[in-house]
Amino acid sequence: CSSLAGIMLLEVFLVLGTLLIYFFFSKKNEETLPFKDGWWGRGQKPVTKEDSSIRPFKVETAEEELSDLFRRLDQARFTEPLENSCFHYGTNSVHLRKVVSYWKNQFNWKKQVEVLNKYPQFKTKIQGIDIHFVHVKPPRLPEGQAAKPLLMVHGWPGSFYEFYKIIPLLTDPASHGLGDEHIFEVICPSIPGYGFSEAPHKQDFNSVSAASVFYELMLRLGFNEFYTQGGDAGCVICTNLAQIAPSHVKGLHLNMVLVSKLGLSHLLSILLGRYFPGLFGFQDEDVRRMFPFLKKWLYKILSEFGYAHIQATKPDTVGCGLNDSPVGLAAYILEKFSSWTDMEFQNLEDGGLERKFSLDDLLTNIMIYWVSGCIVSSMRFYKENLQKGIGTQKHDKLTVQVPTGIAAFPNEILHIPQAWAKKKYTNIVSFHFMPRGGHFAALEEPELLAKDILQFVDKVEKEQLWKKK
C-alpha cells in the first residue's frame, strides 16, 4: 500500500513538474515576438535566392522633375484664411504663401542634395523591396575601442534627414565636447514606403514587418549586437525589434512611448493621480504634464489625431491630392511640425515654424516626400498598424525586457509617465524629463537627445545590463 502511495506521489510530482516546465517555456516563448518573414515585392515570390548585395546610393533629381515642381508651385490656388485664425484651423495660407515664395525663389534643392549626400547612403533588397539607409562610421576611434552600432528609426511625417544633426554628435562625440568613451556607428534606414525605401506592394506591412526587415538589415551589415533608438513610428518599430530579438538588442532608447492598453490601474491613476500622485508612482512633473487630464489628454487626442483616423482608414483618398500638389503636401506636413513641436505655436501667425527649424530643413524633409512620391505609402502605414484595432496585436500584449532608456520631452503630444511605461517596458534603466523640446527631438534638440543616449548607453555598458535581461 505504501509503495502504491509512493508511486502515486511520484506521478503527482511528475505531472506538476511537467506543468511547471510547460509554463516556464511557454512563458519564455510568449515573451518573444515572432520574426515576420514576408514578401513585399511585386507579384509572386521568386524561387531564386534574393540578391543580398549592398549598393551605394545617392539622391539625384532630374531637371524635368524640378521644372514640373516649379510649374505646380506657380499654379497653386490658395484659400483666404479666417481673420486672426493663426494656425488653429491648420496651416495658415497667408504664411504658406511666404513659404512657397521662399521655396520658388530662395530654396536651393541642389545644395540640399549635396547636404543629403554628405553621408554614405546605400540600398539593399530585403523581403522583396529595396531598403534605403544612411550608414555613418566614426571618423576616428581611440586605440583599442570599437564603435557601437546604433539603429535610429524616424517616424511620420519625418524622414532619415531628421538625424543629420545628431549623427556627428554620436559618431564623433569628442569633437562636440561629449567625450569619447562611447562612439557610435549610426545606421538610419528609411521605413519601407517612406523616402527612398521602396513601398511594399502587398497589404499588411506593419511595424512588426518593418522591425523584421531592419533586424535583417542589421544582421546583413554584420551587427549581431546593437542599440536601437526611435520616436513616433520609430518607437514602435524599435520596440518590436527588441521583442523579436532581445538577445541581439543591447539597449532600446526612445524619445516617445505609446501605451496601447489601459488597465484598471491606469484608469484609477487618471481619476486620482492628481490628488495622490505618490500612490500611483507619479512625480510632480508627471502631474504637471498630464493634468487636468481632459485638457492635456482627451481634448488633445480629439483635436490633434484626426489625421491618424483618416490615414488609418482611407489614406489613398487624401494621399492622391497630396501627391499631386506640392503646396498641399507642404501644408499637411508643416502643420505637424508646428503643433507637434509646441502646441502653443498654434497661436502664432507663422505657426512658430522657424523658431526651432530653418525653412531649408523643413523644405528638405518635404522635398524627400515630393521627389520620392512617397506620401501615400507613408500614410498607409497607419492603416496597416491600426486597422485591426488599438491594442489587439500580439506585440501590444507583450512586454519588453531589453534595457530601456526614455527621454520624455515636455512638448511631446501626450506624456506617458514612467509608472505607465514600466508596465510595458519592464527594464527601464533611465527615464529623464527633458528640459525642452517636442516631438521631432533629433532635429530640434540634437545635443539634448545625444547626451541622453550617451548616458543611457554608458549605464548599460558599465553595469553590463544587457547580460542581465
Protein backbone atom coordinates (compact mmCIF):
# COMPACT_ATOMS: atom_id res chain seq x y z
CA CYS A 1 0.00 0.00 0.00
CA SER A 2 2.85 2.32 0.90
CA SER A 3 4.57 1.54 -2.42
CA LEU A 4 1.34 2.37 -4.28
CA ALA A 5 1.10 5.68 -2.43
CA GLY A 6 4.72 6.36 -3.31
CA ILE A 7 4.06 5.70 -6.99
CA MET A 8 1.01 8.00 -6.92
CA LEU A 9 3.03 10.68 -5.19
CA LEU A 10 5.76 10.33 -7.81
CA GLU A 11 3.15 10.65 -10.58
CA VAL A 12 1.79 13.82 -8.95
CA PHE A 13 5.31 15.30 -8.83
CA LEU A 14 5.90 14.31 -12.47
CA VAL A 15 2.64 15.98 -13.55
CA LEU A 16 3.42 19.10 -11.51
CA GLY A 17 6.97 19.15 -12.86
CA THR A 18 5.71 18.80 -16.42
CA LEU A 19 3.22 21.64 -15.88
CA LEU A 20 5.92 23.85 -14.39
CA ILE A 21 8.29 23.13 -17.28
CA TYR A 22 5.49 23.78 -19.78
CA PHE A 23 4.54 27.02 -18.04
CA PHE A 24 8.16 28.16 -17.86
CA PHE A 25 8.96 27.50 -21.51
CA SER A 26 5.60 28.67 -22.85
CA LYS A 27 6.05 31.90 -20.91
CA LYS A 28 9.50 32.35 -22.41
CA ASN A 29 8.11 31.74 -25.88
CA GLU A 30 5.35 34.28 -25.33
CA GLU A 31 7.89 36.92 -24.39
CA THR A 32 9.45 36.83 -27.85
CA LEU A 33 7.66 38.25 -30.88
CA PRO A 34 7.88 36.02 -33.97
CA PHE A 35 10.08 37.30 -36.79
CA LYS A 36 7.85 38.23 -39.73
CA ASP A 37 9.35 36.74 -42.88
CA GLY A 38 7.21 38.37 -45.54
CA TRP A 39 7.39 39.02 -49.26
CA TRP A 40 6.54 42.61 -50.14
CA GLY A 41 7.72 42.76 -53.74
CA ARG A 42 5.56 42.74 -56.85
CA GLY A 43 3.83 39.52 -57.85
CA GLN A 44 4.81 36.09 -56.62
CA LYS A 45 7.93 35.48 -54.60
CA PRO A 46 10.58 34.09 -56.99
CA VAL A 47 12.12 30.70 -56.32
CA THR A 48 15.63 32.07 -56.83
CA LYS A 49 17.57 33.41 -53.86
CA GLU A 50 17.20 37.15 -53.22
CA ASP A 51 20.10 39.40 -54.17
CA SER A 52 21.59 40.43 -50.81
CA SER A 53 24.20 42.83 -52.18
CA ILE A 54 24.54 46.32 -50.68
CA ARG A 55 24.66 49.04 -53.34
CA PRO A 56 25.80 52.67 -52.92
CA PHE A 57 23.03 55.23 -53.40
CA LYS A 58 22.94 58.98 -53.97
CA VAL A 59 19.99 61.34 -54.07
CA GLU A 60 19.55 62.68 -57.59
CA THR A 61 16.83 64.82 -59.15
CA ALA A 62 16.34 65.39 -62.88
CA GLU A 63 15.79 68.90 -64.25
CA GLU A 64 12.41 67.77 -65.59
CA GLU A 65 11.27 66.97 -62.05
CA LEU A 66 12.27 70.40 -60.80
CA SER A 67 10.60 72.13 -63.76
CA ASP A 68 7.40 70.21 -63.03
CA LEU A 69 7.62 71.19 -59.34
CA PHE A 70 8.02 74.90 -60.12
CA ARG A 71 5.12 74.76 -62.57
CA ARG A 72 2.89 73.30 -59.87
CA LEU A 73 4.06 75.87 -57.32
CA ASP A 74 3.28 78.68 -59.79
CA GLN A 75 -0.23 77.33 -60.41
CA ALA A 76 -1.14 76.80 -56.76
CA ARG A 77 -4.55 78.03 -55.58
CA PHE A 78 -4.72 79.50 -52.09
CA THR A 79 -7.76 79.93 -49.86
CA GLU A 80 -8.02 83.06 -47.74
CA PRO A 81 -7.79 82.16 -44.04
CA LEU A 82 -10.21 83.34 -41.39
CA GLU A 83 -9.22 86.56 -39.69
CA ASN A 84 -6.92 86.10 -36.70
CA SER A 85 -7.13 82.32 -37.00
CA CYS A 86 -3.32 81.82 -36.85
CA PHE A 87 -2.71 78.02 -37.04
CA HIS A 88 -5.86 76.95 -35.16
CA TYR A 89 -7.50 75.75 -38.37
CA GLY A 90 -4.32 74.16 -39.66
CA THR A 91 -1.60 75.71 -41.80
CA ASN A 92 -2.41 79.39 -42.33
CA SER A 93 -2.38 80.11 -46.07
CA VAL A 94 -1.02 83.66 -45.61
CA HIS A 95 2.14 82.18 -44.13
CA LEU A 96 2.01 79.29 -46.60
CA ARG A 97 2.30 81.81 -49.45
CA LYS A 98 5.54 83.07 -47.87
CA VAL A 99 6.88 79.52 -47.58
CA VAL A 100 6.02 78.81 -51.22
CA SER A 101 7.67 82.06 -52.31
CA TYR A 102 10.84 81.03 -50.44
CA TRP A 103 10.58 77.55 -51.99
CA LYS A 104 10.45 79.01 -55.51
CA ASN A 105 12.91 81.88 -55.18
CA GLN A 106 15.46 81.10 -52.48
CA PHE A 107 15.44 77.43 -51.52
CA ASN A 108 18.30 75.63 -53.27
CA TRP A 109 17.39 71.96 -53.62
CA LYS A 110 20.61 71.13 -55.44
CA LYS A 111 22.59 72.45 -52.48
CA GLN A 112 20.41 70.41 -50.11
CA VAL A 113 21.00 67.31 -52.23
CA GLU A 114 24.71 67.82 -51.55
CA VAL A 115 23.88 68.00 -47.84
CA LEU A 116 21.89 64.77 -48.08
CA ASN A 117 24.72 63.07 -49.94
CA LYS A 118 27.40 64.09 -47.43
CA TYR A 119 26.70 60.89 -45.50
CA PRO A 120 27.13 57.50 -47.23
CA GLN A 121 23.82 56.04 -48.37
CA PHE A 122 23.00 52.56 -49.61
CA LYS A 123 20.23 50.28 -50.80
CA THR A 124 19.76 46.56 -50.34
CA LYS A 125 16.86 44.26 -51.17
CA ILE A 126 15.13 42.65 -48.19
CA GLN A 127 11.92 40.59 -48.41
CA GLY A 128 11.37 41.74 -52.00
CA ILE A 129 11.79 45.52 -51.64
CA ASP A 130 14.72 47.95 -51.79
CA ILE A 131 15.65 49.31 -48.38
CA HIS A 132 17.43 52.68 -48.28
CA PHE A 133 19.69 53.57 -45.38
CA VAL A 134 22.34 56.02 -44.24
CA HIS A 135 25.41 54.35 -42.71
CA VAL A 136 27.93 56.62 -40.99
CA LYS A 137 31.10 55.28 -39.39
CA PRO A 138 33.21 57.27 -36.90
CA PRO A 139 35.90 59.47 -38.47
CA ARG A 140 38.32 58.29 -35.74
CA LEU A 141 38.45 55.73 -32.97
CA PRO A 142 40.74 55.67 -29.91
CA GLU A 143 43.12 52.71 -29.94
CA GLY A 144 41.51 49.53 -28.72
CA GLN A 145 37.98 50.94 -28.88
CA ALA A 146 35.19 49.65 -31.12
CA ALA A 147 32.24 51.66 -32.41
CA LYS A 148 28.83 50.66 -31.07
CA PRO A 149 26.21 50.03 -33.79
CA LEU A 150 23.13 52.23 -33.33
CA LEU A 151 19.99 51.84 -35.43
CA MET A 152 17.95 55.08 -35.50
CA VAL A 153 14.42 54.97 -36.91
CA HIS A 154 12.32 58.02 -37.88
CA GLY A 155 8.55 58.42 -37.96
CA TRP A 156 5.80 60.25 -39.86
CA PRO A 157 5.90 62.89 -41.33
CA GLY A 158 9.66 62.84 -40.83
CA SER A 159 12.45 61.09 -42.68
CA PHE A 160 16.01 59.87 -42.30
CA TYR A 161 17.02 63.55 -42.63
CA GLU A 162 15.78 64.15 -39.07
CA PHE A 163 19.01 62.55 -37.82
CA TYR A 164 21.51 64.60 -39.85
CA LYS A 165 22.26 66.99 -36.99
CA ILE A 166 22.61 64.30 -34.33
CA ILE A 167 24.77 61.88 -36.37
CA PRO A 168 28.07 63.80 -35.89
CA LEU A 169 27.37 64.09 -32.15
CA LEU A 170 27.23 60.29 -31.94
CA THR A 171 29.92 59.28 -34.44
CA ASP A 172 32.39 61.93 -33.27
CA PRO A 173 31.26 62.95 -29.77
CA ALA A 174 34.70 64.14 -28.63
CA SER A 175 34.75 66.90 -31.27
CA HIS A 176 31.47 68.18 -29.83
CA GLY A 177 32.50 68.15 -26.18
CA LEU A 178 30.71 64.88 -25.39
CA GLY A 179 33.76 62.72 -24.61
CA ASP A 180 35.00 59.62 -26.43
CA GLU A 181 34.01 56.83 -24.07
CA HIS A 182 31.16 55.70 -26.32
CA ILE A 183 31.39 56.21 -30.08
CA PHE A 184 28.69 55.02 -32.44
CA GLU A 185 28.38 53.68 -35.94
CA VAL A 186 24.98 55.02 -36.96
CA ILE A 187 22.51 53.33 -39.32
CA CYS A 188 19.40 55.35 -40.29
CA PRO A 189 17.07 53.46 -42.65
CA SER A 190 14.01 54.84 -44.38
CA ILE A 191 10.91 52.92 -43.31
CA PRO A 192 9.60 50.99 -46.35
CA GLY A 193 7.16 53.32 -48.11
CA TYR A 194 9.00 56.39 -46.81
CA GLY A 195 11.68 58.42 -48.56
CA PHE A 196 13.90 56.32 -50.79
CA SER A 197 12.91 52.89 -49.45
CA GLU A 198 10.63 51.05 -51.84
CA ALA A 199 6.99 50.89 -50.80
CA PRO A 200 5.50 47.46 -50.03
CA HIS A 201 3.38 46.12 -52.89
CA LYS A 202 1.29 43.90 -50.63
CA GLN A 203 -1.14 44.65 -47.82
CA ASP A 204 -0.36 44.08 -44.11
CA PHE A 205 3.10 45.66 -43.91
CA ASN A 206 3.02 46.89 -40.31
CA SER A 207 5.51 47.85 -37.60
CA VAL A 208 6.42 44.21 -36.94
CA SER A 209 7.15 43.80 -40.66
CA ALA A 210 9.39 46.88 -40.59
CA ALA A 211 11.15 45.64 -37.44
CA SER A 212 11.79 42.28 -39.09
CA VAL A 213 13.21 43.98 -42.19
CA PHE A 214 15.50 46.20 -40.09
CA TYR A 215 16.62 43.23 -38.00
CA GLU A 216 17.61 41.50 -41.22
CA LEU A 217 19.37 44.70 -42.34
CA MET A 218 21.47 44.87 -39.16
CA LEU A 219 22.45 41.21 -39.44
CA ARG A 220 23.35 41.73 -43.10
CA LEU A 221 25.62 44.60 -42.09
CA GLY A 222 27.37 42.23 -39.70
CA PHE A 223 25.91 43.54 -36.43
CA ASN A 224 24.97 40.71 -34.09
CA GLU A 225 24.51 43.08 -31.12
CA PHE A 226 23.36 46.67 -31.44
CA TYR A 227 21.44 49.54 -29.85
CA THR A 228 18.20 50.99 -31.23
CA GLN A 229 16.67 54.46 -30.95
CA GLY A 230 13.38 55.89 -32.14
CA GLY A 231 10.41 58.19 -31.69
CA ASP A 232 6.96 58.24 -33.32
CA ALA A 233 6.68 55.19 -35.61
CA GLY A 234 10.36 54.54 -34.89
CA CYS A 235 9.41 54.00 -31.24
CA VAL A 236 7.02 51.18 -32.18
CA ILE A 237 9.38 49.62 -34.74
CA CYS A 238 12.33 49.64 -32.34
CA THR A 239 10.12 48.24 -29.57
CA ASN A 240 9.02 45.42 -31.88
CA LEU A 241 12.65 44.75 -32.81
CA ALA A 242 13.51 44.42 -29.11
CA GLN A 243 10.61 41.97 -28.77
CA ILE A 244 11.73 39.94 -31.81
CA ALA A 245 15.45 39.79 -30.97
CA PRO A 246 16.00 40.58 -27.26
CA SER A 247 19.33 38.74 -27.27
CA HIS A 248 20.62 40.97 -30.11
CA VAL A 249 19.33 44.37 -28.94
CA LYS A 250 21.66 45.57 -26.17
CA GLY A 251 19.55 48.59 -25.35
CA LEU A 252 16.43 50.42 -26.53
CA HIS A 253 16.30 54.22 -26.32
CA LEU A 254 13.03 56.05 -27.00
CA ASN A 255 12.01 59.68 -27.17
CA MET A 256 8.33 58.76 -27.34
CA VAL A 257 6.38 55.98 -25.66
CA LEU A 258 2.96 54.63 -26.62
CA VAL A 259 0.55 52.84 -24.30
CA SER A 260 -1.98 50.86 -26.32
CA LYS A 261 -3.73 49.15 -23.41
CA LEU A 262 -5.19 50.92 -20.39
CA GLY A 263 -5.97 48.73 -17.38
CA LEU A 264 -7.72 49.39 -14.08
CA SER A 265 -4.58 50.87 -12.51
CA HIS A 266 -4.28 53.34 -15.40
CA LEU A 267 -7.92 54.41 -15.01
CA LEU A 268 -7.56 54.84 -11.25
CA SER A 269 -4.41 56.92 -11.75
CA ILE A 270 -6.29 59.12 -14.23
CA LEU A 271 -9.06 59.72 -11.67
CA LEU A 272 -6.92 60.07 -8.54
CA GLY A 273 -3.32 60.59 -9.64
CA ARG A 274 -3.60 64.38 -9.48
CA TYR A 275 -4.52 64.20 -5.80
CA PHE A 276 -2.48 61.18 -4.69
CA PRO A 277 0.49 61.12 -7.10
CA GLY A 278 2.75 59.04 -4.85
CA LEU A 279 0.13 56.31 -4.66
CA PHE A 280 0.42 55.77 -8.42
CA GLY A 281 4.15 56.37 -8.80
CA PHE A 282 3.70 59.82 -10.36
CA GLN A 283 6.30 62.54 -9.93
CA ASP A 284 5.42 66.23 -9.70
CA GLU A 285 6.44 66.70 -13.34
CA ASP A 286 4.10 63.87 -14.40
CA VAL A 287 1.22 65.67 -12.71
CA ARG A 288 2.14 68.96 -14.37
CA ARG A 289 2.29 67.38 -17.82
CA MET A 290 -0.82 65.16 -17.51
CA PHE A 291 -3.41 67.18 -15.60
CA PRO A 292 -6.05 68.40 -15.97
CA PHE A 293 -6.46 65.14 -17.86
CA LEU A 294 -9.40 66.23 -20.02
CA LYS A 295 -7.44 69.19 -21.39
CA LYS A 296 -3.99 67.63 -21.68
CA TRP A 297 -5.03 64.20 -22.91
CA LEU A 298 -8.62 63.74 -24.07
CA TYR A 299 -9.10 67.12 -25.78
CA LYS A 300 -5.65 66.86 -27.30
CA ILE A 301 -6.48 63.47 -28.80
CA LEU A 302 -9.73 64.80 -30.23
CA SER A 303 -8.13 67.95 -31.67
CA GLU A 304 -4.83 66.52 -32.92
CA PHE A 305 -5.45 62.95 -34.08
CA GLY A 306 -7.97 63.47 -36.89
CA TYR A 307 -5.15 62.90 -39.39
CA ALA A 308 -4.46 59.47 -37.83
CA HIS A 309 -8.11 58.44 -38.25
CA ILE A 310 -8.02 59.42 -41.92
CA GLN A 311 -4.71 57.67 -42.53
CA ALA A 312 -5.84 54.57 -40.63
CA THR A 313 -8.99 54.28 -42.74
CA LYS A 314 -8.73 55.88 -46.20
CA PRO A 315 -5.11 57.00 -46.75
CA ASP A 316 -5.21 56.77 -50.54
CA THR A 317 -8.10 59.25 -50.90
CA VAL A 318 -6.36 62.18 -49.20
CA GLY A 319 -2.98 60.94 -50.42
CA CYS A 320 -3.99 61.42 -54.06
CA GLY A 321 -4.36 65.15 -53.52
CA LEU A 322 -1.14 65.48 -51.52
CA ASN A 323 0.85 63.51 -54.09
CA ASP A 324 -0.45 65.80 -56.84
CA SER A 325 0.08 69.15 -55.13
CA PRO A 326 3.40 70.19 -53.57
CA VAL A 327 1.67 73.10 -51.82
CA GLY A 328 -0.95 70.77 -50.37
CA LEU A 329 1.81 68.40 -49.27
CA ALA A 330 3.69 71.24 -47.59
CA ALA A 331 0.56 72.48 -45.80
CA TYR A 332 -0.18 68.99 -44.49
CA ILE A 333 3.36 68.33 -43.21
CA LEU A 334 4.19 71.84 -41.93
CA GLU A 335 1.13 71.83 -39.68
CA LYS A 336 2.57 68.81 -37.84
CA PHE A 337 5.98 70.44 -37.46
CA SER A 338 4.21 73.42 -35.91
CA SER A 339 1.80 71.84 -33.41
CA TRP A 340 3.90 68.78 -32.53
CA THR A 341 6.91 70.95 -31.72
CA ASP A 342 4.85 73.11 -29.38
CA MET A 343 1.04 73.21 -29.20
CA GLU A 344 1.27 76.90 -28.22
CA PHE A 345 2.62 77.65 -31.71
CA GLN A 346 -0.97 77.39 -32.99
CA ASN A 347 -1.45 80.86 -31.50
CA LEU A 348 1.15 82.37 -33.86
CA GLU A 349 0.52 83.63 -37.39
CA ASP A 350 3.54 81.73 -38.72
CA GLY A 351 2.91 78.63 -36.59
CA GLY A 352 6.28 79.17 -34.91
CA LEU A 353 7.83 77.07 -37.67
CA GLU A 354 11.12 78.94 -37.78
CA ARG A 355 11.54 79.18 -34.00
CA LYS A 356 13.02 75.70 -33.87
CA PHE A 357 13.72 74.81 -37.52
CA SER A 358 15.08 76.53 -40.60
CA LEU A 359 12.95 76.71 -43.73
CA ASP A 360 15.73 74.84 -45.52
CA ASP A 361 15.39 71.92 -43.09
CA LEU A 362 11.59 71.90 -43.32
CA LEU A 363 11.58 72.06 -47.11
CA THR A 364 14.29 69.40 -47.41
CA ASN A 365 12.07 66.99 -45.48
CA ILE A 366 9.08 67.93 -47.67
CA MET A 367 11.16 67.50 -50.83
CA ILE A 368 12.13 63.99 -49.77
CA TYR A 369 8.41 63.17 -49.74
CA TRP A 370 7.83 65.01 -53.04
CA VAL A 371 10.66 63.67 -55.20
CA SER A 372 10.15 60.09 -53.97
CA GLY A 373 6.35 60.33 -54.32
CA CYS A 374 6.00 58.50 -51.01
CA ILE A 375 3.27 60.41 -49.17
CA VAL A 376 0.52 57.85 -49.95
CA SER A 377 2.59 54.81 -48.99
CA SER A 378 3.79 56.56 -45.82
CA MET A 379 0.18 57.25 -44.80
CA ARG A 380 -0.81 53.63 -45.49
CA PHE A 381 1.49 52.58 -42.64
CA TYR A 382 -1.19 53.91 -40.26
CA LYS A 383 -3.87 51.70 -41.78
CA GLU A 384 -1.66 48.62 -41.67
CA ASN A 385 -0.91 49.24 -37.99
CA LEU A 386 -4.34 50.34 -36.78
CA GLN A 387 -6.96 48.67 -38.98
CA LYS A 388 -7.25 45.65 -36.66
CA GLY A 389 -7.79 47.85 -33.62
CA ILE A 390 -5.65 49.52 -30.98
CA GLY A 391 -4.01 47.15 -28.51
CA THR A 392 -5.18 43.98 -30.25
CA GLN A 393 -1.94 42.77 -31.84
CA LYS A 394 0.43 40.30 -30.21
CA HIS A 395 3.19 42.91 -29.85
CA ASP A 396 0.76 45.17 -27.93
CA LYS A 397 0.33 42.47 -25.29
CA LEU A 398 3.97 41.52 -24.87
CA THR A 399 6.35 43.25 -22.50
CA VAL A 400 9.89 44.38 -23.36
CA GLN A 401 12.75 43.02 -21.22
CA VAL A 402 15.57 44.80 -23.07
CA PRO A 403 17.26 47.61 -21.05
CA THR A 404 15.28 50.73 -21.94
CA GLY A 405 16.04 54.43 -21.76
CA ILE A 406 13.30 57.04 -22.16
CA ALA A 407 13.79 60.74 -22.85
CA ALA A 408 10.48 62.45 -22.06
CA PHE A 409 10.40 65.78 -23.90
CA PRO A 410 7.97 68.32 -22.40
CA ASN A 411 6.19 69.26 -25.63
CA GLU A 412 5.59 65.70 -26.83
CA ILE A 413 1.93 65.39 -27.86
CA LEU A 414 0.99 63.06 -25.00
CA HIS A 415 3.05 62.48 -21.86
CA ILE A 416 3.47 58.89 -20.68
CA PRO A 417 4.69 58.67 -17.06
CA GLN A 418 7.31 56.12 -16.10
CA ALA A 419 4.72 54.39 -13.90
CA TRP A 420 2.70 53.62 -17.05
CA ALA A 421 5.67 52.89 -19.28
CA LYS A 422 7.15 50.27 -16.94
CA LYS A 423 4.11 48.03 -17.39
CA LYS A 424 5.23 47.61 -21.00
CA TYR A 425 8.98 48.19 -20.62
CA THR A 426 9.87 46.12 -17.57
CA ASN A 427 13.57 47.06 -17.57
CA ILE A 428 13.64 50.88 -17.64
CA VAL A 429 17.14 51.88 -16.53
CA SER A 430 16.93 55.55 -17.49
CA PHE A 431 13.93 57.90 -17.52
CA HIS A 432 14.56 61.63 -17.81
CA PHE A 433 12.27 64.63 -18.03
CA MET A 434 13.96 66.66 -20.74
CA PRO A 435 14.17 70.43 -20.13
CA ARG A 436 12.80 71.49 -23.53
CA GLY A 437 11.81 70.10 -26.92
CA GLY A 438 8.96 68.35 -28.65
CA HIS A 439 8.10 65.52 -31.00
CA PHE A 440 10.91 65.92 -33.56
CA ALA A 441 13.61 65.70 -30.90
CA ALA A 442 16.58 64.65 -33.05
CA LEU A 443 16.08 67.59 -35.41
CA GLU A 444 15.00 70.13 -32.80
CA GLU A 445 17.29 69.29 -29.86
CA PRO A 446 20.07 67.03 -31.22
CA GLU A 447 22.51 67.77 -28.37
CA LEU A 448 19.98 67.05 -25.62
CA LEU A 449 18.98 63.78 -27.26
CA ALA A 450 22.59 62.76 -27.95
CA LYS A 451 23.56 63.35 -24.31
CA ASP A 452 20.65 61.23 -23.12
CA ILE A 453 21.56 58.40 -25.49
CA LEU A 454 25.20 58.55 -24.33
CA GLN A 455 24.36 58.43 -20.61
CA PHE A 456 21.92 55.56 -21.21
CA VAL A 457 24.48 53.51 -23.15
CA ASP A 458 27.11 54.29 -20.53
CA LYS A 459 24.85 52.86 -17.83
CA VAL A 460 24.03 49.75 -19.87
CA GLU A 461 27.69 49.13 -20.68
CA LYS A 462 29.17 49.77 -17.23
CA GLU A 463 26.60 47.64 -15.46
CA GLN A 464 26.51 45.11 -18.33
CA LEU A 465 22.72 45.33 -18.16
CA TRP A 466 22.15 43.57 -21.47
CA LYS A 467 23.62 40.41 -19.93
CA LYS A 468 21.00 40.56 -17.16
CA LYS A 469 17.99 40.62 -19.46
